[in-house]
PDB file of all heavy atoms in Angstrom:
ATOM      1  N   SER A   1       0.826  -1.219  -0.003  1.00  0.00           N
ATOM      2  CA  SER A   1      -0.001  -0.009  -0.002  1.00  0.00           C
ATOM      3  C   SER A   1       0.845   1.281  -0.003  1.00  0.00           C
ATOM      4  O   SER A   1       0.373   2.356  -0.311  1.00  0.00           O
ATOM      5  CB  SER A   1      -0.931   0.004   1.231  1.00  0.00           C
ATOM      6  OG  SER A   1      -0.159  -0.088   2.427  1.00  0.00           O
ATOM      7  N   GLU A   2       2.126   1.158   0.366  1.00  0.00           N
ATOM      8  CA  GLU A   2       3.045   2.300   0.363  1.00  0.00           C
ATOM      9  C   GLU A   2       3.959   2.322  -0.848  1.00  0.00           C
ATOM     10  O   GLU A   2       4.985   3.003  -0.853  1.00  0.00           O
ATOM     11  CB  GLU A   2       3.881   2.285   1.665  1.00  0.00           C
ATOM     12  CG  GLU A   2       3.057   2.427   2.924  1.00  0.00           C
ATOM     13  CD  GLU A   2       3.897   2.420   4.165  1.00  0.00           C
ATOM     14  OE1 GLU A   2       5.147   2.225   4.045  1.00  0.00           O
ATOM     15  OE2 GLU A   2       3.360   2.619   5.273  1.00  0.00           O
ATOM     16  N   ASN A   3       3.599   1.554  -1.885  1.00  0.00           N
ATOM     17  CA  ASN A   3       4.343   1.475  -3.141  1.00  0.00           C
ATOM     18  C   ASN A   3       5.760   0.965  -2.981  1.00  0.00           C
ATOM     19  O   ASN A   3       6.669   1.301  -3.719  1.00  0.00           O
ATOM     20  CB  ASN A   3       4.384   2.823  -3.850  1.00  0.00           C
ATOM     21  CG  ASN A   3       3.043   3.261  -4.382  1.00  0.00           C
ATOM     22  OD1 ASN A   3       2.195   2.412  -4.720  1.00  0.00           O
ATOM     23  ND2 ASN A   3       2.798   4.569  -4.410  1.00  0.00           N
ATOM     24  N   LYS A   4       5.942   0.080  -1.987  1.00  0.00           N
ATOM     25  CA  LYS A   4       7.223  -0.587  -1.816  1.00  0.00           C
ATOM     26  C   LYS A   4       7.133  -1.978  -2.450  1.00  0.00           C
ATOM     27  O   LYS A   4       6.132  -2.655  -2.343  1.00  0.00           O
ATOM     28  CB  LYS A   4       7.584  -0.709  -0.336  1.00  0.00           C
ATOM     29  CG  LYS A   4       7.856   0.656   0.287  1.00  0.00           C
ATOM     30  CD  LYS A   4       8.270   0.491   1.766  1.00  0.00           C
ATOM     31  CE  LYS A   4       8.589   1.859   2.386  1.00  0.00           C
ATOM     32  NZ  LYS A   4       8.972   1.743   3.816  1.00  0.00           N
ATOM     33  N   THR A   5       8.259  -2.368  -3.093  1.00  0.00           N
ATOM     34  CA  THR A   5       8.281  -3.643  -3.778  1.00  0.00           C
ATOM     35  C   THR A   5       8.229  -4.794  -2.814  1.00  0.00           C
ATOM     36  O   THR A   5       9.027  -4.890  -1.863  1.00  0.00           O
ATOM     37  CB  THR A   5       9.529  -3.761  -4.677  1.00  0.00           C
ATOM     38  OG1 THR A   5       9.579  -2.646  -5.563  1.00  0.00           O
ATOM     39  CG2 THR A   5       9.546  -5.046  -5.430  1.00  0.00           C
ATOM     40  N   VAL A   6       7.238  -5.663  -3.006  1.00  0.00           N
ATOM     41  CA  VAL A   6       7.085  -6.872  -2.177  1.00  0.00           C
ATOM     42  C   VAL A   6       7.738  -8.054  -2.847  1.00  0.00           C
ATOM     43  O   VAL A   6       8.485  -8.829  -2.241  1.00  0.00           O
ATOM     44  CB  VAL A   6       5.593  -7.164  -1.876  1.00  0.00           C
ATOM     45  CG1 VAL A   6       5.447  -8.453  -1.105  1.00  0.00           C
ATOM     46  CG2 VAL A   6       4.968  -5.987  -1.148  1.00  0.00           C
ATOM     47  N   SER A   7       7.465  -8.188  -4.140  1.00  0.00           N
ATOM     48  CA  SER A   7       8.057  -9.297  -4.941  1.00  0.00           C
ATOM     49  C   SER A   7       8.084  -8.895  -6.385  1.00  0.00           C
ATOM     50  O   SER A   7       7.422  -7.968  -6.819  1.00  0.00           O
ATOM     51  CB  SER A   7       7.245 -10.584  -4.758  1.00  0.00           C
ATOM     52  OG  SER A   7       5.934 -10.408  -5.241  1.00  0.00           O
ATOM     53  N   SER A   8       8.845  -9.651  -7.158  1.00  0.00           N
ATOM     54  CA  SER A   8       8.940  -9.393  -8.597  1.00  0.00           C
ATOM     55  C   SER A   8       9.085 -10.689  -9.344  1.00  0.00           C
ATOM     56  O   SER A   8       9.526 -11.719  -8.773  1.00  0.00           O
ATOM     57  CB  SER A   8      10.130  -8.481  -8.892  1.00  0.00           C
ATOM     58  OG  SER A   8      11.352  -9.100  -8.474  1.00  0.00           O
ATOM     59  N   ASN A   9       8.709 -10.649 -10.630  1.00  0.00           N
ATOM     60  CA  ASN A   9       8.821 -11.816 -11.474  1.00  0.00           C
ATOM     61  C   ASN A   9       9.535 -11.430 -12.740  1.00  0.00           C
ATOM     62  O   ASN A   9       9.019 -10.762 -13.616  1.00  0.00           O
ATOM     63  CB  ASN A   9       7.414 -12.346 -11.812  1.00  0.00           C
ATOM     64  CG  ASN A   9       7.459 -13.523 -12.825  1.00  0.00           C
ATOM     65  OD1 ASN A   9       8.503 -14.162 -12.964  1.00  0.00           O
ATOM     66  ND2 ASN A   9       6.352 -13.766 -13.489  1.00  0.00           N
ATOM     67  N   LEU A  10      10.842 -11.793 -12.809  1.00  0.00           N
ATOM     68  CA  LEU A  10      11.693 -11.423 -13.963  1.00  0.00           C
ATOM     69  C   LEU A  10      12.042 -12.639 -14.819  1.00  0.00           C
ATOM     70  O   LEU A  10      12.964 -12.579 -15.623  1.00  0.00           O
ATOM     71  CB  LEU A  10      12.980 -10.801 -13.466  1.00  0.00           C
ATOM     72  CG  LEU A  10      12.815  -9.461 -12.694  1.00  0.00           C
ATOM     73  CD1 LEU A  10      14.165  -9.014 -12.117  1.00  0.00           C
ATOM     74  CD2 LEU A  10      12.269  -8.389 -13.599  1.00  0.00           C
ATOM     75  N   GLY A  11      11.314 -13.721 -14.643  1.00  0.00           N
ATOM     76  CA  GLY A  11      11.654 -14.950 -15.331  1.00  0.00           C
ATOM     77  C   GLY A  11      11.359 -14.935 -16.847  1.00  0.00           C
ATOM     78  O   GLY A  11      11.895 -15.795 -17.558  1.00  0.00           O
ATOM     79  N   ARG A  12      10.560 -13.978 -17.322  1.00  0.00           N
ATOM     80  CA  ARG A  12      10.188 -13.984 -18.717  1.00  0.00           C
ATOM     81  C   ARG A  12      10.812 -12.860 -19.514  1.00  0.00           C
ATOM     82  O   ARG A  12      10.331 -12.496 -20.566  1.00  0.00           O
ATOM     83  CB  ARG A  12       8.671 -13.895 -18.848  1.00  0.00           C
ATOM     84  CG  ARG A  12       7.927 -15.089 -18.223  1.00  0.00           C
ATOM     85  CD  ARG A  12       8.255 -16.389 -18.956  1.00  0.00           C
ATOM     86  NE  ARG A  12       7.848 -16.296 -20.338  1.00  0.00           N
ATOM     87  CZ  ARG A  12       6.627 -16.621 -20.764  1.00  0.00           C
ATOM     88  NH1 ARG A  12       5.725 -17.055 -19.892  1.00  0.00           N
ATOM     89  NH2 ARG A  12       6.305 -16.527 -22.027  1.00  0.00           N
ATOM     90  N   ILE A  13      11.880 -12.289 -18.958  1.00  0.00           N
ATOM     91  CA  ILE A  13      12.597 -11.213 -19.680  1.00  0.00           C
ATOM     92  C   ILE A  13      14.043 -11.209 -19.299  1.00  0.00           C
ATOM     93  O   ILE A  13      14.395 -11.496 -18.149  1.00  0.00           O
ATOM     94  CB  ILE A  13      11.928  -9.834 -19.406  1.00  0.00           C
ATOM     95  CG1 ILE A  13      12.399  -8.805 -20.441  1.00  0.00           C
ATOM     96  CG2 ILE A  13      12.230  -9.368 -17.994  1.00  0.00           C
ATOM     97  CD1 ILE A  13      11.575  -7.550 -20.448  1.00  0.00           C
ATOM     98  N   ALA A  14      14.931 -10.860 -20.240  1.00  0.00           N
ATOM     99  CA  ALA A  14      16.368 -10.860 -19.988  1.00  0.00           C
ATOM    100  C   ALA A  14      16.936  -9.434 -20.027  1.00  0.00           C
ATOM    101  O   ALA A  14      18.065  -9.210 -19.578  1.00  0.00           O
ATOM    102  CB  ALA A  14      17.110 -11.730 -21.001  1.00  0.00           C
ATOM    103  N   ALA A  15      16.201  -8.494 -20.551  1.00  0.00           N
ATOM    104  CA  ALA A  15      16.719  -7.152 -20.726  1.00  0.00           C
ATOM    105  C   ALA A  15      16.636  -6.309 -19.458  1.00  0.00           C
ATOM    106  O   ALA A  15      17.233  -5.231 -19.392  1.00  0.00           O
ATOM    107  CB  ALA A  15      15.950  -6.431 -21.848  1.00  0.00           C
ATOM    108  N   VAL A  16      15.963  -6.813 -18.416  1.00  0.00           N
ATOM    109  CA  VAL A  16      15.755  -6.036 -17.165  1.00  0.00           C
ATOM    110  C   VAL A  16      16.204  -6.907 -15.994  1.00  0.00           C
ATOM    111  O   VAL A  16      15.885  -8.095 -15.940  1.00  0.00           O
ATOM    112  CB  VAL A  16      14.289  -5.631 -17.001  1.00  0.00           C
ATOM    113  CG1 VAL A  16      14.113  -4.851 -15.709  1.00  0.00           C
ATOM    114  CG2 VAL A  16      13.816  -4.796 -18.173  1.00  0.00           C
ATOM    115  N   ASP A  17      16.944  -6.303 -15.079  1.00  0.00           N
ATOM    116  CA  ASP A  17      17.346  -7.035 -13.879  1.00  0.00           C
ATOM    117  C   ASP A  17      16.827  -6.328 -12.627  1.00  0.00           C
ATOM    118  O   ASP A  17      16.125  -5.296 -12.741  1.00  0.00           O
ATOM    119  CB  ASP A  17      18.875  -7.171 -13.804  1.00  0.00           C
ATOM    120  CG  ASP A  17      19.587  -5.817 -13.863  1.00  0.00           C
ATOM    121  OD1 ASP A  17      18.992  -4.816 -13.400  1.00  0.00           O
ATOM    122  OD2 ASP A  17      20.704  -5.751 -14.409  1.00  0.00           O
ATOM    123  N   GLU A  18      17.114  -6.872 -11.473  1.00  0.00           N
ATOM    124  CA  GLU A  18      16.601  -6.359 -10.205  1.00  0.00           C
ATOM    125  C   GLU A  18      16.995  -4.903  -9.974  1.00  0.00           C
ATOM    126  O   GLU A  18      16.253  -4.107  -9.390  1.00  0.00           O
ATOM    127  CB  GLU A  18      17.103  -7.226  -9.059  1.00  0.00           C
ATOM    128  CG  GLU A  18      16.548  -8.637  -9.016  1.00  0.00           C
ATOM    129  CD  GLU A  18      15.093  -8.664  -8.536  1.00  0.00           C
ATOM    130  OE1 GLU A  18      14.610  -7.611  -8.038  1.00  0.00           O
ATOM    131  OE2 GLU A  18      14.451  -9.708  -8.634  1.00  0.00           O
ATOM    132  N   ASN A  19      18.210  -4.516 -10.444  1.00  0.00           N
ATOM    133  CA  ASN A  19      18.695  -3.181 -10.176  1.00  0.00           C
ATOM    134  C   ASN A  19      17.915  -2.093 -10.951  1.00  0.00           C
ATOM    135  O   ASN A  19      17.956  -0.924 -10.610  1.00  0.00           O
ATOM    136  CB  ASN A  19      20.175  -3.086 -10.572  1.00  0.00           C
ATOM    137  CG  ASN A  19      21.046  -3.981  -9.688  1.00  0.00           C
ATOM    138  OD1 ASN A  19      20.737  -4.220  -8.507  1.00  0.00           O
ATOM    139  ND2 ASN A  19      22.106  -4.535 -10.282  1.00  0.00           N
ATOM    140  N   GLU A  20      17.238  -2.547 -12.010  1.00  0.00           N
ATOM    141  CA  GLU A  20      16.492  -1.590 -12.834  1.00  0.00           C
ATOM    142  C   GLU A  20      15.016  -1.509 -12.472  1.00  0.00           C
ATOM    143  O   GLU A  20      14.301  -0.653 -13.027  1.00  0.00           O
ATOM    144  CB  GLU A  20      16.623  -1.962 -14.324  1.00  0.00           C
ATOM    145  CG  GLU A  20      18.066  -1.901 -14.821  1.00  0.00           C
ATOM    146  CD  GLU A  20      18.194  -2.488 -16.229  1.00  0.00           C
ATOM    147  OE1 GLU A  20      17.889  -3.665 -16.423  1.00  0.00           O
ATOM    148  OE2 GLU A  20      18.613  -1.722 -17.139  1.00  0.00           O
ATOM    149  N   LEU A  21      14.584  -2.352 -11.577  1.00  0.00           N
ATOM    150  CA  LEU A  21      13.160  -2.362 -11.224  1.00  0.00           C
ATOM    151  C   LEU A  21      12.719  -1.037 -10.619  1.00  0.00           C
ATOM    152  O   LEU A  21      11.600  -0.591 -10.848  1.00  0.00           O
ATOM    153  CB  LEU A  21      12.888  -3.493 -10.224  1.00  0.00           C
ATOM    154  CG  LEU A  21      12.765  -4.898 -10.816  1.00  0.00           C
ATOM    155  CD1 LEU A  21      12.495  -5.895  -9.695  1.00  0.00           C
ATOM    156  CD2 LEU A  21      11.676  -4.947 -11.881  1.00  0.00           C
ATOM    157  N   GLU A  22      13.586  -0.425  -9.832  1.00  0.00           N
ATOM    158  CA  GLU A  22      13.209   0.833  -9.175  1.00  0.00           C
ATOM    159  C   GLU A  22      12.835   1.893 -10.190  1.00  0.00           C
ATOM    160  O   GLU A  22      11.868   2.650  -9.966  1.00  0.00           O
ATOM    161  CB  GLU A  22      14.383   1.306  -8.302  1.00  0.00           C
ATOM    162  CG  GLU A  22      14.027   2.556  -7.497  1.00  0.00           C
ATOM    163  CD  GLU A  22      15.184   3.018  -6.605  1.00  0.00           C
ATOM    164  OE1 GLU A  22      16.207   2.323  -6.563  1.00  0.00           O
ATOM    165  OE2 GLU A  22      15.027   4.057  -5.941  1.00  0.00           O
ATOM    166  N   PHE A  23      13.571   1.985 -11.291  1.00  0.00           N
ATOM    167  CA  PHE A  23      13.261   2.951 -12.326  1.00  0.00           C
ATOM    168  C   PHE A  23      11.855   2.710 -12.860  1.00  0.00           C
ATOM    169  O   PHE A  23      11.065   3.640 -13.019  1.00  0.00           O
ATOM    170  CB  PHE A  23      14.267   2.898 -13.453  1.00  0.00           C
ATOM    171  CG  PHE A  23      13.866   3.679 -14.663  1.00  0.00           C
ATOM    172  CD1 PHE A  23      14.030   5.049 -14.731  1.00  0.00           C
ATOM    173  CD2 PHE A  23      13.220   3.028 -15.737  1.00  0.00           C
ATOM    174  CE1 PHE A  23      13.624   5.778 -15.836  1.00  0.00           C
ATOM    175  CE2 PHE A  23      12.827   3.746 -16.857  1.00  0.00           C
ATOM    176  CZ  PHE A  23      13.036   5.121 -16.914  1.00  0.00           C
ATOM    177  N   PHE A  24      11.537   1.460 -13.190  1.00  0.00           N
ATOM    178  CA  PHE A  24      10.249   1.138 -13.766  1.00  0.00           C
ATOM    179  C   PHE A  24       9.104   1.446 -12.800  1.00  0.00           C
ATOM    180  O   PHE A  24       8.058   2.021 -13.167  1.00  0.00           O
ATOM    181  CB  PHE A  24      10.193  -0.327 -14.190  1.00  0.00           C
ATOM    182  CG  PHE A  24      10.974  -0.606 -15.448  1.00  0.00           C
ATOM    183  CD1 PHE A  24      12.326  -0.920 -15.392  1.00  0.00           C
ATOM    184  CD2 PHE A  24      10.372  -0.574 -16.681  1.00  0.00           C
ATOM    185  CE1 PHE A  24      13.043  -1.192 -16.548  1.00  0.00           C
ATOM    186  CE2 PHE A  24      11.048  -0.830 -17.837  1.00  0.00           C
ATOM    187  CZ  PHE A  24      12.410  -1.143 -17.800  1.00  0.00           C
ATOM    188  N   VAL A  25       9.306   1.116 -11.522  1.00  0.00           N
ATOM    189  CA  VAL A  25       8.291   1.338 -10.537  1.00  0.00           C
ATOM    190  C   VAL A  25       8.091   2.839 -10.318  1.00  0.00           C
ATOM    191  O   VAL A  25       6.911   3.313 -10.258  1.00  0.00           O
ATOM    192  CB  VAL A  25       8.673   0.673  -9.186  1.00  0.00           C
ATOM    193  CG1 VAL A  25       7.697   1.066  -8.083  1.00  0.00           C
ATOM    194  CG2 VAL A  25       8.681  -0.844  -9.341  1.00  0.00           C
ATOM    195  N   ASN A  26       9.156   3.594 -10.222  1.00  0.00           N
ATOM    196  CA  ASN A  26       9.041   5.057 -10.047  1.00  0.00           C
ATOM    197  C   ASN A  26       8.393   5.699 -11.275  1.00  0.00           C
ATOM    198  O   ASN A  26       7.623   6.657 -11.109  1.00  0.00           O
ATOM    199  CB  ASN A  26      10.422   5.666  -9.824  1.00  0.00           C
ATOM    200  CG  ASN A  26      10.983   5.254  -8.491  1.00  0.00           C
ATOM    201  OD1 ASN A  26      10.257   4.888  -7.562  1.00  0.00           O
ATOM    202  ND2 ASN A  26      12.318   5.309  -8.361  1.00  0.00           N
ATOM    203  N   GLU A  27       8.664   5.209 -12.444  1.00  0.00           N
ATOM    204  CA  GLU A  27       8.073   5.759 -13.669  1.00  0.00           C
ATOM    205  C   GLU A  27       6.563   5.605 -13.629  1.00  0.00           C
ATOM    206  O   GLU A  27       5.805   6.535 -13.979  1.00  0.00           O
ATOM    207  CB  GLU A  27       8.659   5.057 -14.881  1.00  0.00           C
ATOM    208  CG  GLU A  27       8.170   5.589 -16.244  1.00  0.00           C
ATOM    209  CD  GLU A  27       8.660   6.962 -16.553  1.00  0.00           C
ATOM    210  OE1 GLU A  27       9.732   7.355 -16.036  1.00  0.00           O
ATOM    211  OE2 GLU A  27       7.982   7.678 -17.327  1.00  0.00           O
ATOM    212  N   VAL A  28       6.095   4.444 -13.221  1.00  0.00           N
ATOM    213  CA  VAL A  28       4.652   4.180 -13.182  1.00  0.00           C
ATOM    214  C   VAL A  28       4.001   4.949 -12.048  1.00  0.00           C
ATOM    215  O   VAL A  28       2.929   5.546 -12.212  1.00  0.00           O
ATOM    216  CB  VAL A  28       4.395   2.680 -13.063  1.00  0.00           C
ATOM    217  CG1 VAL A  28       2.863   2.430 -12.895  1.00  0.00           C
ATOM    218  CG2 VAL A  28       4.850   1.947 -14.306  1.00  0.00           C
ATOM    219  N   CYS A  29       4.650   4.945 -10.878  1.00  0.00           N
ATOM    220  CA  CYS A  29       4.051   5.630  -9.720  1.00  0.00           C
ATOM    221  C   CYS A  29       3.988   7.147  -9.936  1.00  0.00           C
ATOM    222  O   CYS A  29       3.130   7.806  -9.264  1.00  0.00           O
ATOM    223  CB  CYS A  29       4.882   5.340  -8.477  1.00  0.00           C
ATOM    224  SG  CYS A  29       4.767   3.592  -7.925  1.00  0.00           S
TER     225      CYS A  29
END
């Protein structure tokens, strides 16, 4: 509810890793 990452599923893509998730989340938020 506070827009903090609880879990992620990166098994179906190779171009994005855990370090880049923050950018994507911030972009959407």
